[in-house]
Every structure is written in structure tokens, then in C-alpha cells.
Protein backbone atom coordinates (compact mmCIF):
# COMPACT_ATOMS: atom_id res chain seq x y z
CA MET A 1 -10.02 -23.88 -19.69
CA ARG A 2 -11.97 -24.91 -16.44
CA ARG A 3 -15.23 -23.00 -16.97
CA HIS A 4 -16.80 -24.78 -14.00
CA TRP A 5 -14.73 -22.80 -11.53
CA GLU A 6 -16.60 -19.70 -12.14
CA ASN A 7 -19.47 -21.42 -10.33
CA CYS A 8 -17.22 -24.19 -8.29
CA ILE A 9 -19.25 -26.12 -5.95
CA THR A 10 -18.41 -24.34 -2.54
CA ASN A 11 -19.63 -25.08 1.02
CA PHE A 12 -18.86 -23.03 4.18
CA ASP A 13 -18.91 -23.80 7.95
CA GLU A 14 -22.02 -26.12 8.92
CA ASP A 15 -22.82 -26.90 5.23
CA VAL A 16 -19.45 -28.39 5.34
CA ASP A 17 -20.29 -30.86 7.90
CA GLY A 18 -23.55 -31.53 6.26
CA PHE A 19 -21.93 -32.29 2.89
CA VAL A 20 -19.30 -34.32 4.24
CA ALA A 21 -21.63 -36.55 6.35
CA ASP A 22 -24.01 -36.98 3.09
CA TYR A 23 -21.55 -37.12 0.19
CA PHE A 24 -19.16 -39.76 2.08
CA SER A 25 -21.71 -41.80 3.33
CA ASP A 26 -21.66 -43.77 -0.01
CA PRO A 27 -19.80 -46.94 1.21
CA ASP A 28 -18.02 -47.10 -2.30
CA ARG A 29 -16.28 -43.78 -1.79
CA ARG A 30 -12.41 -44.16 -0.76
CA VAL A 31 -10.78 -40.90 0.25
CA LEU A 32 -7.11 -40.05 0.26
CA LEU A 33 -6.28 -36.89 2.52
CA VAL A 34 -3.24 -34.69 1.98
CA ALA A 35 -2.54 -32.45 4.84
CA ALA A 36 0.13 -30.81 7.36
CA ALA A 37 1.14 -32.40 10.46
CA GLY A 38 2.66 -29.40 12.07
CA PHE A 39 2.27 -27.11 15.14
CA ASP A 40 -0.82 -25.48 13.88
CA PRO A 41 -3.87 -26.29 16.14
CA ARG A 42 -6.22 -26.37 13.35
CA SER A 43 -4.23 -29.45 11.91
CA GLN A 44 -6.68 -31.91 13.23
CA ARG A 45 -9.82 -30.20 12.55
CA ILE A 46 -10.53 -31.87 8.85
CA SER A 47 -8.97 -35.14 9.78
CA ARG A 48 -11.48 -35.75 12.48
CA MET A 49 -14.45 -34.66 10.26
CA LEU A 50 -13.61 -36.91 7.73
CA ALA A 51 -12.69 -39.88 9.92
CA THR A 52 -16.12 -39.70 11.67
CA ALA A 53 -17.82 -40.01 8.31
CA LEU A 54 -15.52 -42.44 6.43
CA GLY A 55 -13.95 -44.69 9.10
CA ASP A 56 -11.47 -47.27 7.63
CA ARG A 57 -12.41 -45.74 3.89
CA LEU A 58 -10.18 -42.88 4.74
CA SER A 59 -6.24 -42.95 4.39
CA ALA A 60 -4.11 -40.03 4.73
CA PHE A 61 -0.59 -38.68 3.66
CA TYR A 62 0.82 -36.20 6.33
CA ILE A 63 3.48 -33.65 5.48
CA ARG A 64 5.57 -32.46 8.28
CA GLU A 65 7.50 -29.40 7.10
CA GLU A 66 10.90 -29.14 9.04
CA ARG A 67 12.72 -26.17 9.69
CA HIS A 68 15.83 -25.65 11.29
CA GLY A 69 14.89 -22.49 13.26
CA ALA A 70 11.73 -24.27 14.79
CA SER A 71 11.53 -23.69 18.69
CA ASP A 72 11.42 -26.55 20.87
CA ALA A 73 7.89 -25.45 22.03
CA LEU A 74 6.60 -25.73 18.35
CA VAL A 75 8.42 -29.05 17.89
CA THR A 76 7.00 -30.56 21.02
CA ARG A 77 3.37 -29.27 19.62
CA ALA A 78 4.04 -30.73 16.24
CA ASP A 79 4.98 -34.03 17.86
CA GLU A 80 1.66 -34.01 19.87
CA ASN A 81 -0.31 -33.20 16.53
CA GLU A 82 1.29 -36.01 14.89
CA ALA A 83 0.41 -38.45 17.61
CA ALA A 84 -3.01 -37.37 17.43
CA LEU A 85 -3.39 -37.63 13.90
CA LYS A 86 -2.18 -41.22 13.88
CA ALA A 87 -4.80 -42.30 16.27
CA ILE A 88 -7.40 -40.42 14.10
CA VAL A 89 -6.32 -41.83 10.91
CA PRO A 90 -4.56 -45.18 11.48
CA ASP A 91 -4.09 -45.95 7.67
CA SER A 92 -1.76 -42.99 7.36
CA GLU A 93 1.85 -42.33 6.15
CA PHE A 94 3.90 -39.13 7.60
CA VAL A 95 6.63 -37.62 5.29
CA ARG A 96 9.16 -35.02 6.70
CA ILE A 97 9.93 -32.60 3.96
CA ASP A 98 13.06 -30.31 4.84
CA VAL A 99 12.11 -26.82 3.56
CA PHE A 100 15.51 -25.69 3.13
CA ALA A 101 18.68 -27.18 1.58
CA ASP A 102 21.93 -27.27 3.45
CA ASP A 103 23.01 -24.01 1.68
CA GLY A 104 19.80 -22.22 2.58
CA ALA A 105 17.71 -22.45 -0.73
CA PRO A 106 14.19 -23.04 -0.38
CA VAL A 107 13.51 -26.26 -1.75
CA GLY A 108 10.32 -27.84 -0.01
CA GLY A 109 8.17 -27.59 -3.23
CA ALA A 110 10.66 -29.50 -5.14
CA ARG A 111 10.87 -32.14 -2.38
CA ILE A 112 7.33 -32.67 -2.12
CA ALA A 113 6.69 -32.93 -5.72
CA ALA A 114 9.49 -35.50 -5.77
CA ARG A 115 7.59 -37.38 -2.94
CA LEU A 116 4.02 -37.18 -4.65
CA SER A 117 5.39 -38.48 -7.97
CA GLN A 118 6.82 -41.51 -6.31
CA HIS A 119 3.46 -41.95 -4.57
CA PRO A 120 0.61 -41.54 -7.26
CA VAL A 121 -3.01 -41.75 -6.19
CA PRO A 122 -4.16 -45.43 -6.06
CA ASP A 123 -6.81 -46.45 -8.51
CA ALA A 124 -9.17 -47.40 -5.75
CA VAL A 125 -9.50 -43.87 -4.56
CA THR A 126 -12.45 -41.84 -5.59
CA ASP A 127 -11.67 -38.46 -3.88
CA VAL A 128 -8.49 -36.79 -3.15
CA ILE A 129 -8.61 -33.99 -0.42
CA LEU A 130 -6.06 -31.57 0.34
CA ASP A 131 -6.19 -29.67 3.44
CA LEU A 132 -4.29 -26.25 3.09
CA SER A 133 -5.24 -25.08 6.59
CA ALA A 134 -1.63 -25.49 7.85
CA LEU A 135 0.45 -26.09 4.93
CA SER A 136 2.99 -23.56 3.63
CA ILE A 137 2.36 -21.72 0.21
CA GLY A 138 5.74 -23.10 -1.03
CA VAL A 139 4.70 -26.72 -0.43
CA GLY A 140 0.72 -26.40 -0.63
CA PHE A 141 0.67 -25.14 -3.99
CA PRO A 142 2.88 -27.52 -5.85
CA ALA A 143 1.12 -30.41 -3.96
CA ALA A 144 -2.30 -28.80 -4.96
CA ARG A 145 -1.21 -28.58 -8.97
CA MET A 146 0.15 -32.24 -8.93
CA LEU A 147 -2.88 -33.70 -7.25
CA LEU A 148 -5.42 -31.74 -9.31
CA GLU A 149 -3.66 -32.83 -12.45
CA ASP A 150 -3.58 -36.30 -11.49
CA CYS A 151 -7.31 -36.26 -10.59
CA GLU A 152 -8.18 -34.72 -14.03
CA ALA A 153 -6.21 -37.24 -15.95
CA THR A 154 -8.88 -39.77 -14.68
CA ASN A 155 -12.46 -39.65 -15.01
CA HIS A 156 -13.35 -41.06 -11.51
CA CYS A 157 -11.38 -39.16 -8.97
CA ALA A 158 -12.62 -35.91 -7.73
CA PHE A 159 -10.12 -33.28 -6.13
CA HIS A 160 -11.26 -31.27 -3.23
CA LEU A 161 -9.89 -28.34 -1.38
CA MET A 162 -10.66 -27.75 2.32
CA ILE A 163 -9.58 -25.08 4.70
CA VAL A 164 -9.89 -24.22 8.53
CA SER A 165 -9.46 -20.54 8.53
CA ASN A 166 -9.25 -18.10 11.70
CA PRO A 167 -7.94 -14.71 10.75
CA GLU A 168 -7.48 -13.53 14.38
CA MET A 169 -5.36 -16.54 15.33
CA ASP A 170 -3.20 -15.95 12.14
CA ASP A 171 -2.55 -12.50 13.35
CA ARG A 172 -1.00 -14.13 16.53
CA ILE A 173 1.34 -16.39 14.57
CA SER A 174 4.39 -14.63 13.30
CA SER A 175 7.27 -15.60 10.97
CA VAL A 176 11.08 -15.13 10.41
CA PRO A 177 11.32 -14.91 6.72
CA SER A 178 14.15 -16.05 4.83
CA SER A 179 16.37 -13.92 2.83
CA ARG A 180 15.85 -15.62 -0.69
CA PRO A 181 12.89 -14.90 -2.48
CA GLY A 182 11.67 -16.77 -5.28
CA SER A 183 8.89 -18.72 -7.57
CA VAL A 184 7.07 -21.13 -6.12
CA ARG A 185 7.82 -24.62 -7.87
CA GLY A 186 5.27 -25.16 -10.76
CA PHE A 187 4.23 -21.60 -10.96
CA SER A 188 6.89 -19.70 -12.87
CA PRO A 189 5.48 -19.70 -16.50
CA ALA A 190 8.34 -18.99 -19.06
CA ILE A 191 8.20 -15.48 -20.81
CA GLU A 192 7.98 -15.15 -24.31
CA ALA A 193 8.45 -11.30 -25.38
CA GLU A 194 9.59 -11.62 -28.75
CA GLY A 195 10.13 -8.24 -29.86
CA GLN A 196 7.88 -6.94 -27.12
CA GLY A 197 8.82 -5.43 -23.65
CA LEU A 198 7.76 -7.28 -20.46
CA ALA A 199 4.95 -5.59 -18.30
CA GLN A 200 4.35 -7.23 -14.85
CA VAL A 201 1.50 -6.58 -12.58
CA TRP A 202 2.60 -7.48 -9.06
CA ILE A 203 -0.37 -8.43 -6.74
CA PRO A 204 0.74 -8.81 -3.10
CA GLN A 205 -1.66 -9.93 -0.32
CA LEU A 206 -1.41 -7.93 2.31
CA ALA A 207 -1.45 -9.42 5.78
CA LYS A 208 -0.43 -8.41 9.50
CA GLY A 209 3.13 -8.41 10.09
CA ARG A 210 4.50 -9.58 6.58
CA GLY A 211 5.50 -6.07 5.51
CA PHE A 212 9.37 -6.84 5.52
CA ALA A 213 8.75 -10.38 3.45
CA LEU A 214 6.55 -8.18 0.86
CA THR A 215 9.27 -5.84 0.45
CA GLN A 216 11.87 -8.39 -0.20
CA ILE A 217 9.72 -10.38 -2.69
CA GLY A 218 8.82 -6.94 -4.64
CA ALA A 219 12.43 -6.08 -4.84
CA ASN A 220 13.18 -9.35 -6.41
CA ILE A 221 10.40 -8.72 -9.43
CA PRO A 222 11.95 -6.42 -12.11
CA ARG A 223 10.03 -4.53 -14.48
CA ARG A 224 6.84 -3.90 -12.29
CA TYR A 225 4.52 -1.95 -14.70
CA LYS A 226 1.95 -1.78 -11.99
CA ILE A 227 1.41 -2.86 -8.21
CA CYS A 228 -1.94 -3.76 -7.09
CA PRO A 229 -2.12 -4.81 -3.47
CA LEU A 230 -4.99 -7.35 -2.51
CA ILE A 231 -6.74 -6.68 0.74
CA PRO A 232 -9.29 -8.79 2.53
CA PHE A 233 -12.69 -7.00 2.34
CA PRO A 234 -15.49 -7.81 3.33
CA ALA A 235 -13.93 -9.26 6.51
CA ARG A 236 -15.09 -10.67 9.99
CA ASN A 237 -13.27 -7.63 11.45
CA PRO A 238 -14.84 -4.49 9.77
CA ARG A 239 -11.65 -2.63 10.39
CA ARG A 240 -9.32 -5.22 8.81
CA ALA A 241 -8.98 -3.41 5.61
CA ASP A 242 -8.46 0.09 7.41
CA ASP A 243 -5.91 -1.54 9.72
CA LEU A 244 -3.76 -3.11 6.98
CA LEU A 245 -3.78 0.15 4.96
CA ALA A 246 -2.48 1.99 7.91
CA GLU A 247 0.26 -0.74 8.82
CA TYR A 248 1.40 -0.54 4.97
CA GLN A 249 1.10 3.16 4.64
CA THR A 250 4.92 3.36 4.20
CA GLU A 251 5.23 0.82 1.51
CA LEU A 252 2.05 1.70 -0.42
CA VAL A 253 3.03 5.37 -0.54
CA ASN A 254 6.69 5.87 -0.24
CA GLU A 255 8.16 2.30 -1.71
CA TRP A 256 5.53 0.97 -4.09
CA ALA A 257 3.61 4.48 -5.04
CA VAL A 258 0.41 2.65 -5.42
CA ASP A 259 -2.37 4.46 -7.05
CA PRO A 260 -5.22 4.10 -4.68
CA ARG A 261 -7.33 3.14 -7.76
CA ASP A 262 -5.36 -0.12 -7.99
CA VAL A 263 -6.07 -1.62 -4.66
CA VAL A 264 -7.98 -4.75 -5.05
CA TYR A 265 -10.48 -6.19 -2.51
CA ALA A 266 -11.60 -9.67 -2.16
CA SER A 267 -13.77 -11.32 0.44
CA GLU A 268 -11.75 -12.93 3.31
CA ARG A 269 -14.56 -15.65 3.51
CA ASN A 270 -15.21 -16.88 -0.10
CA PRO A 271 -12.10 -17.84 -2.26
CA LEU A 272 -14.21 -17.65 -5.26
CA ASP A 273 -14.28 -13.91 -4.89
CA CYS A 274 -10.68 -13.94 -5.21
CA TYR A 275 -10.49 -16.10 -8.11
CA ARG A 276 -13.13 -14.33 -9.97
CA THR A 277 -11.40 -11.03 -9.16
CA LEU A 278 -7.96 -12.04 -10.44
CA SER A 279 -9.38 -13.81 -13.36
CA THR A 280 -11.03 -10.29 -14.32
CA LEU A 281 -7.74 -8.52 -13.76
CA LYS A 282 -5.85 -10.77 -15.93
CA THR A 283 -8.47 -10.81 -18.94
CA ARG A 284 -8.67 -6.72 -18.99
CA PHE A 285 -4.80 -6.50 -18.43
CA ASP A 286 -4.01 -8.75 -21.48
CA ARG A 287 -6.66 -7.09 -23.59
CA THR A 288 -5.01 -3.76 -22.62
CA MET A 289 -1.44 -4.52 -23.37
CA LYS A 290 -1.96 -6.98 -26.47
CA GLY A 291 0.35 -6.16 -29.35
CA THR A 292 2.19 -3.70 -27.20
CA TYR A 293 3.72 -5.32 -24.21
CA GLU A 294 3.97 -8.96 -23.04
CA PRO A 295 1.85 -9.19 -20.07
CA ARG A 296 2.31 -11.18 -16.77
CA MET A 297 0.68 -11.10 -13.49
CA VAL A 298 2.66 -12.16 -10.47
CA LEU A 299 1.00 -13.21 -7.17
CA SER A 300 2.30 -13.20 -3.55
CA PRO A 301 -0.21 -14.70 -1.45
CA VAL A 302 1.10 -14.50 2.10
CA GLY A 303 -1.90 -14.24 4.48
CA SER A 304 -5.22 -15.86 4.65
CA LYS A 305 -5.37 -19.40 3.19
CA VAL A 306 -8.74 -18.68 2.20
CA LEU A 307 -7.61 -15.70 -0.28
CA ALA A 308 -4.62 -17.95 -1.08
CA ALA A 309 -6.89 -20.70 -2.36
CA GLY A 310 -8.47 -18.20 -4.77
CA ALA A 311 -5.18 -17.12 -5.95
CA LEU A 312 -4.08 -20.76 -6.37
CA MET A 313 -7.18 -21.29 -8.71
CA ALA A 314 -6.37 -18.24 -10.58
CA ALA A 315 -2.61 -19.11 -11.19
CA ILE A 316 -3.42 -22.52 -12.33
CA GLU A 317 -6.31 -21.38 -14.51
CA HIS A 318 -4.22 -18.29 -16.23
CA ASP A 319 -0.83 -19.68 -15.78
CA MET A 320 0.06 -16.79 -13.43
CA ALA A 321 3.47 -16.59 -11.49
CA VAL A 322 3.61 -16.87 -7.84
CA HIS A 323 6.52 -15.38 -6.07
CA TYR A 324 7.09 -16.11 -2.25
CA LEU A 325 9.36 -15.77 0.70
CA GLU A 326 9.71 -19.17 2.41
CA THR A 327 9.62 -18.88 6.24
CA GLU A 328 12.55 -19.87 8.47
CA SER A 329 10.62 -20.23 11.77
CA TYR A 330 7.25 -19.35 13.28
CA LEU A 331 6.48 -17.67 16.46
CA PHE A 332 3.16 -18.64 18.31
CA GLU A 333 1.91 -18.12 21.72
CA ASP A 334 -1.22 -19.92 22.07
CA SER A 335 -2.67 -19.66 25.67
CA GLY A 336 -6.25 -20.27 24.41
CA PRO A 337 -8.67 -18.03 22.78
CA ALA A 338 -7.80 -14.29 23.01
CA PRO A 339 -10.61 -11.81 23.73
CA GLY A 340 -12.32 -10.82 20.49
CA ASP A 341 -11.64 -14.17 19.01
CA LEU A 342 -14.21 -15.68 16.51
CA PRO A 343 -14.78 -19.37 15.84
CA ASP A 344 -12.95 -21.10 13.12
CA MET A 345 -14.40 -20.78 9.49
CA THR A 346 -14.52 -24.01 7.38
CA VAL A 347 -14.27 -23.82 3.35
CA HIS A 348 -14.70 -26.74 1.22
CA LEU A 349 -14.34 -26.70 -2.75
CA ILE A 350 -14.67 -29.21 -5.50
CA LEU A 351 -12.04 -28.54 -8.13
CA SER A 352 -12.53 -31.58 -10.44
CA GLY A 353 -14.35 -34.78 -10.83
CA PRO A 354 -17.40 -36.48 -12.05
CA LEU A 355 -19.94 -33.94 -10.58
CA TYR A 356 -18.64 -31.61 -13.39
CA ALA A 357 -19.25 -34.27 -16.03
CA SER A 358 -19.34 -32.66 -19.61
CA PHE A 359 -19.40 -28.91 -17.78
CA ASP A 360 -16.32 -28.06 -19.84
CA GLU A 361 -16.86 -29.79 -23.02
CA PRO A 362 -17.71 -27.14 -25.85
CA ALA A 363 -21.33 -27.42 -27.12
CA ALA A 364 -21.88 -29.71 -30.03
CA GLU A 365 -22.52 -27.75 -33.46
CA SER A 366 -25.92 -27.85 -34.66
């Protein structure tokens, strides 16, 4: 159990800048940043912030996700980001991960896990930071789990998550999904239903333009006891929840037959809200099904990385399954800020480390 996650140390926006400037001013801190080096314009934000505070005490491990369907424009943008990141963090290593095997099977998670296992966190590192902003779920989730476990195995190394989120920009990035949904590596717990039937609750995260992908994922999840769609609310756009309910009306009513009472809401801004909500659902579901069915919750985070971070925490804490449909290629026309766009949101969490010393230890008996 990680009881400290219930009140996890979390910072937002300007407070992130203040925390970084203060916390990393200690000359004894050595930081390893793990982040994406793709086309996303948010790829450089966290690197610049950390480089300003840390200087040569920052090293980086950048992941470039390779997809055969990538357009020349996005490849060029990724090349430009990679060159910029090399200048920002000179002590950096870039690794290219082919997301798909030759037969089309999604293998990005297995490949990043293999690379990270070959490069354990150096003993001199005091803090590991995973920037989820531009990493796919299929690569980011396995990396997060491995890095967290490595940090928890030591008493001196802290593990941080950082995210630069912009829902309005996300709406302008469309994807072409593959045709082979499946479990994310490291998030497919074994089923032990000795004499009991399996009851699965599927929690798909609704996001603009992801209806086909979620339909494919749902068709690959057998014995669904209930479907509880996850919707971002409250959100910066007050109508975001209404717009998603309208976009997914066919799926919600005709395909999934969702009871309106089963719709789940979580803050678009705070990953802890998503984590706490999913944890509460898990506890109640297990209690309800105890002795009758073998309960299992299946998450499908396909939208906001802030909500995905909360889903990641819940999946690790409660051993939940994560089903996903990998993306073959992205489409993104960046012509500058669109009318109505708002500034990026920055989120920072500390998931483990000395700041939580003795927090999770059981109280001593009197």
C-alpha cells in the first residue's frame, strides 16, 4: 500500500516553477529526466525548466517513438525537437523505440522496458523525473512502473511525474489507431477465478475523436459486467463534458448501454481526483462482489495525460488492468494558437522518496 498517495505532494502551474527553483537549488541533487523527443511542441517545456535550475546536474534519457506511418512534416518537427533537446541538456542519451514489430504487433512497452532494464538508475542520482507530456500510454506506463519500482527499492531516490497539459491542443491532434487492441505491458494482472465467474468493470476515458479506438478496445474486453465512462469534469471548457456526451451518444446509448448513474467524473486539472475516484470505485466494487464474482477493473486512458496520470496511480496501487489501442500515426497541423486556446497547464507529483519517510510504515503497537 502507498497510503501517502491519498495526499500526494502535488504542484500546479506557477507553483511548479517555484518548487523546481527551490527544491533543486540544493547542489547535492542529481537528476535523471526521462521524457519524449517527438513532434509534440510541449516536449521541451520541462527540460528547459529543469536545465535552468540544475545546469550540469541534470542528465536525460529521451525516448523517440518511431511509427512507420509518421508524415514527413511530423518527422521534421521531431528532428527539430531532438536537436533542441540536445542543446538544452548536453548530458543526454536518445533512444529510438519502434512501437510496432514487423508483423504489426504493438511492442513499444516491451522494448522500452528492455532498454530501461539495461540502464538502471545510477547510484549518484537523487531524483528521477518522468515527463509524461508527450509519451504514449503504451510506452509511458511501463516506463513509469519500472522507474517507480527502482526508486522505491532505494531509500534515497525520489520519483517525480511531470506533465504539461493543454486540452485545447490535444483536440487538434488526431490519431490513426492500429487494429490490435491489447493490454499495456505490466498492467495485465492474472485472473484467479477459482469457482467464481469473472465480473469486469471497464472504465474508458472519453476524449474527442477517440470513439473508434474505444469501440475497438471495448470489443476486446470479454465478460463486461458494467461500463463506467470517465469524463473530465470540472474542466477549463465548461462545456467539455456536455460535448463529449453528445459526441459519444451512439456508443453510450446503443453500443454500451451505459446507465447514466455509472458515468464517472474526474477533474481535468488534478490527477489525484482521478486516482481517488478510481480507488473508491475499486474498493466498493470489490466489497460488492466479494464471495460471488471475481472482480476486475479495466482502465482505458486515451485522452488527457493529467487524467491518465491518475489512472496510472490507481492501476499501480490496486493492480488494475490497462487496455489500449496503439496509434499508427498522428495528424497535427500547428499553425500557432487557435482562437480560444488557453495557456499550458503544468502538473508535478512526487510519488516516492525521502519526503515520505516512514509515512507508509504501520504504527507501532503500544
